[in-house]
Amino acid sequence: MYSSTFIFAKKHFDEAFHRLDEEIAAMAKTLPGYIGEETWENAATGLVSNVYYWETLEALQALMRHPRHLEAKAAQAHWLAGYQVTISQVLRSYGDAKLAHLLPTVSAALDGA
């Protein structure tokens, strides 16, 4: 299982940004291997973090190669004041079961490990 973390600083979100962002989000959810996503915003810095979870690296790469994603990447300087992407392999996910979790298979597979 993999996660892709997209951290960015907002610059200018116009109608074109919102339309493209919605299209990419909808398309990502249809890709085989998409598990889910979480979004966080740091009030102190204004940075936003989107974390996407994927069953395989190939599933993540399918999103990265998609023409609409490539279009957004090419235009990012218009909408963002900077960004960073981190791709990670998820080794473990666990908790106290009080929060719903996107990654039950990792939790179950490594329970007690």
PDB file of N, CA and C in Angstrom:
ATOM      1  N   MET A   1       0.847  -1.166   0.000  1.00  0.00           N
ATOM      2  CA  MET A   1       0.000   0.000   0.000  1.00  0.00           C
ATOM      3  C   MET A   1       0.899   1.237   0.000  1.00  0.00           C
ATOM      4  N   TYR A   2       0.417   2.282  -0.681  1.00  0.00           N
ATOM      5  CA  TYR A   2       1.185   3.522  -0.828  1.00  0.00           C
ATOM      6  C   TYR A   2       0.333   4.729  -0.472  1.00  0.00           C
ATOM      7  N   SER A   3       1.018   5.779  -0.066  1.00  0.00           N
ATOM      8  CA  SER A   3       0.338   7.059   0.133  1.00  0.00           C
ATOM      9  C   SER A   3       1.095   8.113  -0.654  1.00  0.00           C
ATOM     10  N   SER A   4       0.358   9.058  -1.169  1.00  0.00           N
ATOM     11  CA  SER A   4       0.968  10.221  -1.810  1.00  0.00           C
ATOM     12  C   SER A   4       0.464  11.443  -1.049  1.00  0.00           C
ATOM     13  N   THR A   5       1.397  12.223  -0.531  1.00  0.00           N
ATOM     14  CA  THR A   5       1.066  13.404   0.250  1.00  0.00           C
ATOM     15  C   THR A   5       1.417  14.638  -0.572  1.00  0.00           C
ATOM     16  N   PHE A   6       0.430  15.450  -0.813  1.00  0.00           N
ATOM     17  CA  PHE A   6       0.573  16.667  -1.612  1.00  0.00           C
ATOM     18  C   PHE A   6       0.380  17.843  -0.664  1.00  0.00           C
ATOM     19  N   ILE A   7       1.474  18.553  -0.359  1.00  0.00           N
ATOM     20  CA  ILE A   7       1.442  19.700   0.542  1.00  0.00           C
ATOM     21  C   ILE A   7       1.619  20.947  -0.305  1.00  0.00           C
ATOM     22  N   PHE A   8       0.748  21.948  -0.092  1.00  0.00           N
ATOM     23  CA  PHE A   8       0.848  23.146  -0.913  1.00  0.00           C
ATOM     24  C   PHE A   8       0.420  24.395  -0.161  1.00  0.00           C
ATOM     25  N   ALA A   9       0.890  25.518  -0.684  1.00  0.00           N
ATOM     26  CA  ALA A   9       0.481  26.837  -0.198  1.00  0.00           C
ATOM     27  C   ALA A   9      -0.447  27.431  -1.243  1.00  0.00           C
ATOM     28  N   LYS A  10      -1.588  27.919  -0.792  1.00  0.00           N
ATOM     29  CA  LYS A  10      -2.575  28.498  -1.708  1.00  0.00           C
ATOM     30  C   LYS A  10      -2.068  29.843  -2.246  1.00  0.00           C
ATOM     31  N   LYS A  11      -2.430  30.091  -3.504  1.00  0.00           N
ATOM     32  CA  LYS A  11      -2.113  31.369  -4.131  1.00  0.00           C
ATOM     33  C   LYS A  11      -3.389  32.016  -4.639  1.00  0.00           C
ATOM     34  N   HIS A  12      -3.950  31.442  -5.699  1.00  0.00           N
ATOM     35  CA  HIS A  12      -5.152  32.005  -6.317  1.00  0.00           C
ATOM     36  C   HIS A  12      -5.980  30.878  -6.903  1.00  0.00           C
ATOM     37  N   PHE A  13      -7.121  30.597  -6.286  1.00  0.00           N
ATOM     38  CA  PHE A  13      -8.001  29.548  -6.776  1.00  0.00           C
ATOM     39  C   PHE A  13      -9.150  30.194  -7.538  1.00  0.00           C
ATOM     40  N   ASP A  14      -9.164  29.999  -8.851  1.00  0.00           N
ATOM     41  CA  ASP A  14     -10.225  30.554  -9.687  1.00  0.00           C
ATOM     42  C   ASP A  14     -11.177  29.431 -10.110  1.00  0.00           C
ATOM     43  N   GLU A  15     -12.129  29.763 -10.953  1.00  0.00           N
ATOM     44  CA  GLU A  15     -13.115  28.787 -11.414  1.00  0.00           C
ATOM     45  C   GLU A  15     -12.443  27.625 -12.152  1.00  0.00           C
ATOM     46  N   ALA A  16     -11.429  27.926 -12.949  1.00  0.00           N
ATOM     47  CA  ALA A  16     -10.720  26.875 -13.693  1.00  0.00           C
ATOM     48  C   ALA A  16     -10.042  25.893 -12.738  1.00  0.00           C
ATOM     49  N   PHE A  17      -9.448  26.415 -11.664  1.00  0.00           N
ATOM     50  CA  PHE A  17      -8.816  25.542 -10.670  1.00  0.00           C
ATOM     51  C   PHE A  17      -9.851  24.610 -10.053  1.00  0.00           C
ATOM     52  N   HIS A  18     -10.941  25.173  -9.570  1.00  0.00           N
ATOM     53  CA  HIS A  18     -11.960  24.360  -8.898  1.00  0.00           C
ATOM     54  C   HIS A  18     -12.542  23.297  -9.824  1.00  0.00           C
ATOM     55  N   ARG A  19     -12.779  23.648 -11.074  1.00  0.00           N
ATOM     56  CA  ARG A  19     -13.324  22.695 -12.045  1.00  0.00           C
ATOM     57  C   ARG A  19     -12.333  21.546 -12.275  1.00  0.00           C
ATOM     58  N   LEU A  20     -11.075  21.886 -12.518  1.00  0.00           N
ATOM     59  CA  LEU A  20     -10.055  20.872 -12.774  1.00  0.00           C
ATOM     60  C   LEU A  20      -9.823  20.016 -11.531  1.00  0.00           C
ATOM     61  N   ASP A  21      -9.785  20.630 -10.369  1.00  0.00           N
ATOM     62  CA  ASP A  21      -9.588  19.904  -9.112  1.00  0.00           C
ATOM     63  C   ASP A  21     -10.712  18.891  -8.895  1.00  0.00           C
ATOM     64  N   GLU A  22     -11.953  19.293  -9.141  1.00  0.00           N
ATOM     65  CA  GLU A  22     -13.099  18.394  -8.983  1.00  0.00           C
ATOM     66  C   GLU A  22     -13.041  17.239  -9.986  1.00  0.00           C
ATOM     67  N   GLU A  23     -12.639  17.534 -11.219  1.00  0.00           N
ATOM     68  CA  GLU A  23     -12.539  16.489 -12.241  1.00  0.00           C
ATOM     69  C   GLU A  23     -11.473  15.461 -11.867  1.00  0.00           C
ATOM     70  N   ILE A  24     -10.340  15.941 -11.398  1.00  0.00           N
ATOM     71  CA  ILE A  24      -9.251  15.029 -11.031  1.00  0.00           C
ATOM     72  C   ILE A  24      -9.660  14.186  -9.827  1.00  0.00           C
ATOM     73  N   ALA A  25     -10.284  14.798  -8.832  1.00  0.00           N
ATOM     74  CA  ALA A  25     -10.720  14.057  -7.641  1.00  0.00           C
ATOM     75  C   ALA A  25     -11.724  12.972  -8.019  1.00  0.00           C
ATOM     76  N   ALA A  26     -12.677  13.299  -8.868  1.00  0.00           N
ATOM     77  CA  ALA A  26     -13.681  12.320  -9.300  1.00  0.00           C
ATOM     78  C   ALA A  26     -13.027  11.197 -10.098  1.00  0.00           C
ATOM     79  N   MET A  27     -12.116  11.549 -10.981  1.00  0.00           N
ATOM     80  CA  MET A  27     -11.434  10.551 -11.796  1.00  0.00           C
ATOM     81  C   MET A  27     -10.578   9.638 -10.928  1.00  0.00           C
ATOM     82  N   ALA A  28      -9.861  10.195  -9.954  1.00  0.00           N
ATOM     83  CA  ALA A  28      -8.999   9.393  -9.083  1.00  0.00           C
ATOM     84  C   ALA A  28      -9.803   8.314  -8.370  1.00  0.00           C
ATOM     85  N   LYS A  29     -11.002   8.673  -7.929  1.00  0.00           N
ATOM     86  CA  LYS A  29     -11.846   7.728  -7.192  1.00  0.00           C
ATOM     87  C   LYS A  29     -12.314   6.567  -8.056  1.00  0.00           C
ATOM     88  N   THR A  30     -12.261   6.700  -9.366  1.00  0.00           N
ATOM     89  CA  THR A  30     -12.671   5.623 -10.262  1.00  0.00           C
ATOM     90  C   THR A  30     -11.519   4.691 -10.635  1.00  0.00           C
ATOM     91  N   LEU A  31     -10.302   5.088 -10.323  1.00  0.00           N
ATOM     92  CA  LEU A  31      -9.145   4.275 -10.692  1.00  0.00           C
ATOM     93  C   LEU A  31      -9.064   3.018  -9.831  1.00  0.00           C
ATOM     94  N   PRO A  32      -8.834   1.868 -10.452  1.00  0.00           N
ATOM     95  CA  PRO A  32      -8.616   0.660  -9.659  1.00  0.00           C
ATOM     96  C   PRO A  32      -7.404   0.871  -8.751  1.00  0.00           C
ATOM     97  N   GLY A  33      -7.555   0.537  -7.481  1.00  0.00           N
ATOM     98  CA  GLY A  33      -6.449   0.693  -6.537  1.00  0.00           C
ATOM     99  C   GLY A  33      -6.545   1.918  -5.656  1.00  0.00           C
ATOM    100  N   TYR A  34      -7.490   2.835  -5.950  1.00  0.00           N
ATOM    101  CA  TYR A  34      -7.705   4.001  -5.095  1.00  0.00           C
ATOM    102  C   TYR A  34      -8.390   3.535  -3.814  1.00  0.00           C
ATOM    103  N   ILE A  35      -7.878   3.956  -2.660  1.00  0.00           N
ATOM    104  CA  ILE A  35      -8.454   3.554  -1.377  1.00  0.00           C
ATOM    105  C   ILE A  35      -9.214   4.700  -0.727  1.00  0.00           C
ATOM    106  N   GLY A  36      -8.620   5.899  -0.724  1.00  0.00           N
ATOM    107  CA  GLY A  36      -9.271   7.027  -0.070  1.00  0.00           C
ATOM    108  C   GLY A  36      -8.310   8.180   0.097  1.00  0.00           C
ATOM    109  N   GLU A  37      -8.792   9.207   0.765  1.00  0.00           N
ATOM    110  CA  GLU A  37      -7.974  10.404   0.949  1.00  0.00           C
ATOM    111  C   GLU A  37      -8.368  11.140   2.222  1.00  0.00           C
ATOM    112  N   GLU A  38      -7.445  11.967   2.674  1.00  0.00           N
ATOM    113  CA  GLU A  38      -7.650  12.833   3.831  1.00  0.00           C
ATOM    114  C   GLU A  38      -7.058  14.190   3.493  1.00  0.00           C
ATOM    115  N   THR A  39      -7.651  15.246   4.031  1.00  0.00           N
ATOM    116  CA  THR A  39      -7.139  16.598   3.805  1.00  0.00           C
ATOM    117  C   THR A  39      -6.958  17.285   5.148  1.00  0.00           C
ATOM    118  N   TRP A  40      -5.839  17.969   5.271  1.00  0.00           N
ATOM    119  CA  TRP A  40      -5.515  18.690   6.499  1.00  0.00           C
ATOM    120  C   TRP A  40      -5.038  20.089   6.148  1.00  0.00           C
ATOM    121  N   GLU A  41      -5.355  21.042   7.003  1.00  0.00           N
ATOM    122  CA  GLU A  41      -4.850  22.397   6.822  1.00  0.00           C
ATOM    123  C   GLU A  41      -4.210  22.852   8.127  1.00  0.00           C
ATOM    124  N   ASN A  42      -3.006  23.405   8.022  1.00  0.00           N
ATOM    125  CA  ASN A  42      -2.292  23.937   9.172  1.00  0.00           C
ATOM    126  C   ASN A  42      -2.655  25.407   9.318  1.00  0.00           C
ATOM    127  N   ALA A  43      -3.428  25.734  10.324  1.00  0.00           N
ATOM    128  CA  ALA A  43      -3.896  27.113  10.513  1.00  0.00           C
ATOM    129  C   ALA A  43      -2.740  28.082  10.744  1.00  0.00           C
ATOM    130  N   ALA A  44      -1.678  27.623  11.365  1.00  0.00           N
ATOM    131  CA  ALA A  44      -0.538  28.499  11.669  1.00  0.00           C
ATOM    132  C   ALA A  44       0.246  28.874  10.415  1.00  0.00           C
ATOM    133  N   THR A  45       0.392  27.925   9.477  1.00  0.00           N
ATOM    134  CA  THR A  45       1.201  28.190   8.284  1.00  0.00           C
ATOM    135  C   THR A  45       0.357  28.423   7.038  1.00  0.00           C
ATOM    136  N   GLY A  46      -0.899  27.995   7.067  1.00  0.00           N
ATOM    137  CA  GLY A  46      -1.761  28.097   5.893  1.00  0.00           C
ATOM    138  C   GLY A  46      -1.522  26.994   4.877  1.00  0.00           C
ATOM    139  N   LEU A  47      -0.632  26.060   5.181  1.00  0.00           N
ATOM    140  CA  LEU A  47      -0.358  24.967   4.249  1.00  0.00           C
ATOM    141  C   LEU A  47      -1.490  23.944   4.298  1.00  0.00           C
ATOM    142  N   VAL A  48      -1.762  23.344   3.143  1.00  0.00           N
ATOM    143  CA  VAL A  48      -2.782  22.306   3.011  1.00  0.00           C
ATOM    144  C   VAL A  48      -2.073  21.006   2.651  1.00  0.00           C
ATOM    145  N   SER A  49      -2.541  19.913   3.230  1.00  0.00           N
ATOM    146  CA  SER A  49      -1.978  18.599   2.945  1.00  0.00           C
ATOM    147  C   SER A  49      -3.094  17.660   2.520  1.00  0.00           C
ATOM    148  N   ASN A  50      -2.970  17.111   1.331  1.00  0.00           N
ATOM    149  CA  ASN A  50      -3.881  16.085   0.833  1.00  0.00           C
ATOM    150  C   ASN A  50      -3.117  14.770   0.811  1.00  0.00           C
ATOM    151  N   VAL A  51      -3.645  13.771   1.507  1.00  0.00           N
ATOM    152  CA  VAL A  51      -3.015  12.456   1.542  1.00  0.00           C
ATOM    153  C   VAL A  51      -3.945  11.481   0.828  1.00  0.00           C
ATOM    154  N   TYR A  52      -3.427  10.830  -0.193  1.00  0.00           N
ATOM    155  CA  TYR A  52      -4.180   9.858  -0.980  1.00  0.00           C
ATOM    156  C   TYR A  52      -3.584   8.478  -0.725  1.00  0.00           C
ATOM    157  N   TYR A  53      -4.443   7.475  -0.601  1.00  0.00           N
ATOM    158  CA  TYR A  53      -4.000   6.108  -0.332  1.00  0.00           C
ATOM    159  C   TYR A  53      -4.299   5.222  -1.541  1.00  0.00           C
ATOM    160  N   TRP A  54      -3.322   4.355  -1.865  1.00  0.00           N
ATOM    161  CA  TRP A  54      -3.392   3.508  -3.060  1.00  0.00           C
ATOM    162  C   TRP A  54      -2.984   2.089  -2.719  1.00  0.00           C
ATOM    163  N   GLU A  55      -3.632   1.123  -3.340  1.00  0.00           N
ATOM    164  CA  GLU A  55      -3.276  -0.277  -3.125  1.00  0.00           C
ATOM    165  C   GLU A  55      -1.893  -0.592  -3.665  1.00  0.00           C
ATOM    166  N   THR A  56      -1.539   0.007  -4.818  1.00  0.00           N
ATOM    167  CA  THR A  56      -0.257  -0.283  -5.458  1.00  0.00           C
ATOM    168  C   THR A  56       0.371   1.007  -5.988  1.00  0.00           C
ATOM    169  N   LEU A  57       1.661   0.927  -6.240  1.00  0.00           N
ATOM    170  CA  LEU A  57       2.353   2.055  -6.848  1.00  0.00           C
ATOM    171  C   LEU A  57       1.852   2.279  -8.274  1.00  0.00           C
ATOM    172  N   GLU A  58       1.491   1.215  -8.958  1.00  0.00           N
ATOM    173  CA  GLU A  58       0.973   1.329 -10.319  1.00  0.00           C
ATOM    174  C   GLU A  58      -0.336   2.113 -10.344  1.00  0.00           C
ATOM    175  N   ALA A  59      -1.177   1.919  -9.333  1.00  0.00           N
ATOM    176  CA  ALA A  59      -2.435   2.667  -9.251  1.00  0.00           C
ATOM    177  C   ALA A  59      -2.160   4.158  -9.080  1.00  0.00           C
ATOM    178  N   LEU A  60      -1.218   4.486  -8.227  1.00  0.00           N
ATOM    179  CA  LEU A  60      -0.823   5.884  -8.037  1.00  0.00           C
ATOM    180  C   LEU A  60      -0.257   6.463  -9.334  1.00  0.00           C
ATOM    181  N   GLN A  61       0.576   5.707 -10.007  1.00  0.00           N
ATOM    182  CA  GLN A  61       1.175   6.184 -11.252  1.00  0.00           C
ATOM    183  C   GLN A  61       0.141   6.396 -12.348  1.00  0.00           C
ATOM    184  N   ALA A  62      -0.954   5.645 -12.314  1.00  0.00           N
ATOM    185  CA  ALA A  62      -2.034   5.852 -13.290  1.00  0.00           C
ATOM    186  C   ALA A  62      -2.618   7.252 -13.135  1.00  0.00           C
ATOM    187  N   LEU A  63      -2.769   7.698 -11.909  1.00  0.00           N
ATOM    188  CA  LEU A  63      -3.233   9.067 -11.684  1.00  0.00           C
ATOM    189  C   LEU A  63      -2.201  10.073 -12.181  1.00  0.00           C
ATOM    190  N   MET A  64      -0.948   9.842 -11.864  1.00  0.00           N
ATOM    191  CA  MET A  64       0.114  10.785 -12.235  1.00  0.00           C
ATOM    192  C   MET A  64       0.246  10.943 -13.753  1.00  0.00           C
ATOM    193  N   ARG A  65      -0.096   9.898 -14.508  1.00  0.00           N
ATOM    194  CA  ARG A  65       0.005   9.936 -15.976  1.00  0.00           C
ATOM    195  C   ARG A  65      -1.256  10.450 -16.652  1.00  0.00           C
ATOM    196  N   HIS A  66      -2.325  10.605 -15.891  1.00  0.00           N
ATOM    197  CA  HIS A  66      -3.593  11.011 -16.491  1.00  0.00           C
ATOM    198  C   HIS A  66      -3.475  12.423 -17.079  1.00  0.00           C
ATOM    199  N   PRO A  67      -4.013  12.665 -18.284  1.00  0.00           N
ATOM    200  CA  PRO A  67      -3.890  13.971 -18.940  1.00  0.00           C
ATOM    201  C   PRO A  67      -4.398  15.150 -18.092  1.00  0.00           C
ATOM    202  N   ARG A  68      -5.471  14.977 -17.344  1.00  0.00           N
ATOM    203  CA  ARG A  68      -5.999  16.086 -16.527  1.00  0.00           C
ATOM    204  C   ARG A  68      -5.049  16.401 -15.372  1.00  0.00           C
ATOM    205  N   HIS A  69      -4.421  15.372 -14.808  1.00  0.00           N
ATOM    206  CA  HIS A  69      -3.440  15.599 -13.746  1.00  0.00           C
ATOM    207  C   HIS A  69      -2.218  16.311 -14.306  1.00  0.00           C
ATOM    208  N   LEU A  70      -1.781  15.892 -15.478  1.00  0.00           N
ATOM    209  CA  LEU A  70      -0.631  16.551 -16.117  1.00  0.00           C
ATOM    210  C   LEU A  70      -0.955  18.004 -16.445  1.00  0.00           C
ATOM    211  N   GLU A  71      -2.181  18.282 -16.836  1.00  0.00           N
ATOM    212  CA  GLU A  71      -2.626  19.653 -17.104  1.00  0.00           C
ATOM    213  C   GLU A  71      -2.550  20.500 -15.824  1.00  0.00           C
ATOM    214  N   ALA A  72      -3.019  19.951 -14.726  1.00  0.00           N
ATOM    215  CA  ALA A  72      -2.983  20.670 -13.448  1.00  0.00           C
ATOM    216  C   ALA A  72      -1.543  20.923 -13.009  1.00  0.00           C
ATOM    217  N   LYS A  73      -0.700  19.941 -13.182  1.00  0.00           N
ATOM    218  CA  LYS A  73       0.702  20.090 -12.791  1.00  0.00           C
ATOM    219  C   LYS A  73       1.381  21.190 -13.602  1.00  0.00           C
ATOM    220  N   ALA A  74       1.074  21.254 -14.887  1.00  0.00           N
ATOM    221  CA  ALA A  74       1.673  22.277 -15.750  1.00  0.00           C
ATOM    222  C   ALA A  74       1.221  23.686 -15.380  1.00  0.00           C
ATOM    223  N   ALA A  75       0.012  23.810 -14.827  1.00  0.00           N
ATOM    224  CA  ALA A  75      -0.550  25.124 -14.496  1.00  0.00           C
ATOM    225  C   ALA A  75      -0.437  25.469 -13.014  1.00  0.00           C
ATOM    226  N   GLN A  76       0.210  24.629 -12.223  1.00  0.00           N
ATOM    227  CA  GLN A  76       0.212  24.803 -10.774  1.00  0.00           C
ATOM    228  C   GLN A  76       0.736  26.162 -10.318  1.00  0.00           C
ATOM    229  N   ALA A  77       1.690  26.755 -11.007  1.00  0.00           N
ATOM    230  CA  ALA A  77       2.268  28.040 -10.577  1.00  0.00           C
ATOM    231  C   ALA A  77       1.229  29.168 -10.576  1.00  0.00           C
ATOM    232  N   HIS A  78       0.184  29.021 -11.364  1.00  0.00           N
ATOM    233  CA  HIS A  78      -0.886  30.022 -11.394  1.00  0.00           C
ATOM    234  C   HIS A  78      -1.724  29.969 -10.115  1.00  0.00           C
ATOM    235  N   TRP A  79      -1.876  28.770  -9.550  1.00  0.00           N
ATOM    236  CA  TRP A  79      -2.785  28.562  -8.418  1.00  0.00           C
ATOM    237  C   TRP A  79      -2.086  28.365  -7.083  1.00  0.00           C
ATOM    238  N   LEU A  80      -0.826  27.907  -7.119  1.00  0.00           N
ATOM    239  CA  LEU A  80      -0.133  27.563  -5.881  1.00  0.00           C
ATOM    240  C   LEU A  80       1.084  28.453  -5.655  1.00  0.00           C
ATOM    241  N   ALA A  81       1.357  28.701  -4.377  1.00  0.00           N
ATOM    242  CA  ALA A  81       2.541  29.482  -3.998  1.00  0.00           C
ATOM    243  C   ALA A  81       3.672  28.545  -3.571  1.00  0.00           C
ATOM    244  N   GLY A  82       3.614  27.328  -4.002  1.00  0.00           N
ATOM    245  CA  GLY A  82       4.633  26.329  -3.705  1.00  0.00           C
ATOM    246  C   GLY A  82       3.988  25.004  -3.355  1.00  0.00           C
ATOM    247  N   TYR A  83       4.692  23.916  -3.626  1.00  0.00           N
ATOM    248  CA  TYR A  83       4.162  22.595  -3.297  1.00  0.00           C
ATOM    249  C   TYR A  83       5.289  21.602  -3.090  1.00  0.00           C
ATOM    250  N   GLN A  84       4.938  20.498  -2.455  1.00  0.00           N
ATOM    251  CA  GLN A  84       5.848  19.377  -2.248  1.00  0.00           C
ATOM    252  C   GLN A  84       5.023  18.102  -2.275  1.00  0.00           C
ATOM    253  N   VAL A  85       5.558  17.055  -2.884  1.00  0.00           N
ATOM    254  CA  VAL A  85       4.881  15.759  -2.942  1.00  0.00           C
ATOM    255  C   VAL A  85       5.799  14.714  -2.307  1.00  0.00           C
ATOM    256  N   THR A  86       5.223  13.882  -1.451  1.00  0.00           N
ATOM    257  CA  THR A  86       5.958  12.777  -0.845  1.00  0.00           C
ATOM    258  C   THR A  86       5.202  11.489  -1.140  1.00  0.00           C
ATOM    259  N   ILE A  87       5.898  10.517  -1.733  1.00  0.00           N
ATOM    260  CA  ILE A  87       5.331   9.206  -2.015  1.00  0.00           C
ATOM    261  C   ILE A  87       5.925   8.239  -0.990  1.00  0.00           C
ATOM    262  N   SER A  88       5.051   7.514  -0.291  1.00  0.00           N
ATOM    263  CA  SER A  88       5.506   6.623   0.784  1.00  0.00           C
ATOM    264  C   SER A  88       4.865   5.255   0.657  1.00  0.00           C
ATOM    265  N   GLN A  89       5.599   4.238   1.075  1.00  0.00           N
ATOM    266  CA  GLN A  89       5.019   2.912   1.206  1.00  0.00           C
ATOM    267  C   GLN A  89       4.532   2.780   2.648  1.00  0.00           C
ATOM    268  N   VAL A  90       3.280   2.376   2.809  1.00  0.00           N
ATOM    269  CA  VAL A  90       2.690   2.253   4.140  1.00  0.00           C
ATOM    270  C   VAL A  90       3.078   0.894   4.712  1.00  0.00           C
ATOM    271  N   LEU A  91       3.779   0.914   5.829  1.00  0.00           N
ATOM    272  CA  LEU A  91       4.203  -0.319   6.480  1.00  0.00           C
ATOM    273  C   LEU A  91       3.264  -0.745   7.592  1.00  0.00           C
ATOM    274  N   ARG A  92       2.633   0.219   8.233  1.00  0.00           N
ATOM    275  CA  ARG A  92       1.755  -0.103   9.355  1.00  0.00           C
ATOM    276  C   ARG A  92       0.773   1.029   9.562  1.00  0.00           C
ATOM    277  N   SER A  93      -0.418   0.648   9.986  1.00  0.00           N
ATOM    278  CA  SER A  93      -1.448   1.604  10.361  1.00  0.00           C
ATOM    279  C   SER A  93      -2.234   0.980  11.506  1.00  0.00           C
ATOM    280  N   TYR A  94      -2.322   1.682  12.620  1.00  0.00           N
ATOM    281  CA  TYR A  94      -3.062   1.134  13.757  1.00  0.00           C
ATOM    282  C   TYR A  94      -3.571   2.271  14.629  1.00  0.00           C
ATOM    283  N   GLY A  95      -4.432   1.957  15.558  1.00  0.00           N
ATOM    284  CA  GLY A  95      -4.993   2.940  16.468  1.00  0.00           C
ATOM    285  C   GLY A  95      -5.812   2.266  17.546  1.00  0.00           C
ATOM    286  N   ASP A  96      -6.639   3.042  18.230  1.00  0.00           N
ATOM    287  CA  ASP A  96      -7.426   2.505  19.342  1.00  0.00           C
ATOM    288  C   ASP A  96      -8.849   2.137  18.930  1.00  0.00           C
ATOM    289  N   ALA A  97      -9.151   2.172  17.643  1.00  0.00           N
ATOM    290  CA  ALA A  97     -10.450   1.797  17.075  1.00  0.00           C
ATOM    291  C   ALA A  97     -11.550   2.819  17.364  1.00  0.00           C
ATOM    292  N   LYS A  98     -11.206   3.986  17.894  1.00  0.00           N
ATOM    293  CA  LYS A  98     -12.207   5.021  18.151  1.00  0.00           C
ATOM    294  C   LYS A  98     -12.440   5.899  16.925  1.00  0.00           C
ATOM    295  N   LEU A  99     -11.542   5.865  15.972  1.00  0.00           N
ATOM    296  CA  LEU A  99     -11.681   6.626  14.734  1.00  0.00           C
ATOM    297  C   LEU A  99     -11.871   5.672  13.569  1.00  0.00           C
ATOM    298  N   ALA A 100     -12.774   6.015  12.678  1.00  0.00           N
ATOM    299  CA  ALA A 100     -12.903   5.241  11.434  1.00  0.00           C
ATOM    300  C   ALA A 100     -11.601   5.395  10.675  1.00  0.00           C
ATOM    301  N   HIS A 101     -11.155   4.325  10.062  1.00  0.00           N
ATOM    302  CA  HIS A 101      -9.858   4.392   9.385  1.00  0.00           C
ATOM    303  C   HIS A 101      -9.964   3.930   7.947  1.00  0.00           C
ATOM    304  N   LEU A 102      -9.202   4.583   7.075  1.00  0.00           N
ATOM    305  CA  LEU A 102      -9.202   4.233   5.654  1.00  0.00           C
ATOM    306  C   LEU A 102      -8.438   2.948   5.358  1.00  0.00           C
ATOM    307  N   LEU A 103      -7.560   2.534   6.238  1.00  0.00           N
ATOM    308  CA  LEU A 103      -6.629   1.461   5.924  1.00  0.00           C
ATOM    309  C   LEU A 103      -6.803   0.227   6.801  1.00  0.00           C
ATOM    310  N   PRO A 104      -7.978  -0.374   6.830  1.00  0.00           N
ATOM    311  CA  PRO A 104      -8.164  -1.527   7.717  1.00  0.00           C
ATOM    312  C   PRO A 104      -7.320  -2.725   7.328  1.00  0.00           C
ATOM    313  N   THR A 105      -6.968  -2.878   6.050  1.00  0.00           N
ATOM    314  CA  THR A 105      -6.211  -4.051   5.635  1.00  0.00           C
ATOM    315  C   THR A 105      -4.795  -4.015   6.182  1.00  0.00           C
ATOM    316  N   VAL A 106      -4.187  -2.854   6.244  1.00  0.00           N
ATOM    317  CA  VAL A 106      -2.848  -2.741   6.796  1.00  0.00           C
ATOM    318  C   VAL A 106      -2.910  -2.992   8.283  1.00  0.00           C
ATOM    319  N   SER A 107      -3.904  -2.429   8.929  1.00  0.00           N
ATOM    320  CA  SER A 107      -4.102  -2.610  10.361  1.00  0.00           C
ATOM    321  C   SER A 107      -4.254  -4.092  10.689  1.00  0.00           C
ATOM    322  N   ALA A 108      -5.135  -4.754   9.957  1.00  0.00           N
ATOM    323  CA  ALA A 108      -5.409  -6.163  10.225  1.00  0.00           C
ATOM    324  C   ALA A 108      -4.209  -7.041   9.870  1.00  0.00           C
ATOM    325  N   ALA A 109      -3.571  -6.744   8.771  1.00  0.00           N
ATOM    326  CA  ALA A 109      -2.467  -7.564   8.299  1.00  0.00           C
ATOM    327  C   ALA A 109      -1.270  -7.523   9.250  1.00  0.00           C
ATOM    328  N   LEU A 110      -1.070  -6.387   9.902  1.00  0.00           N
ATOM    329  CA  LEU A 110       0.089  -6.241  10.762  1.00  0.00           C
ATOM    330  C   LEU A 110      -0.274  -6.207  12.241  1.00  0.00           C
ATOM    331  N   ASP A 111      -1.501  -6.546  12.570  1.00  0.00           N
ATOM    332  CA  ASP A 111      -1.951  -6.518  13.956  1.00  0.00           C
ATOM    333  C   ASP A 111      -1.049  -7.386  14.811  1.00  0.00           C
ATOM    334  N   GLY A 112      -0.498  -6.799  15.856  1.00  0.00           N
ATOM    335  CA  GLY A 112       0.370  -7.515  16.763  1.00  0.00           C
ATOM    336  C   GLY A 112       1.805  -7.607  16.284  1.00  0.00           C
ATOM    337  N   ALA A 113       2.099  -7.069  15.119  1.00  0.00           N
ATOM    338  CA  ALA A 113       3.477  -7.152  14.604  1.00  0.00           C
ATOM    339  C   ALA A 113       4.368  -6.137  15.278  1.00  0.00           C
TER     340      ALA A 113
END
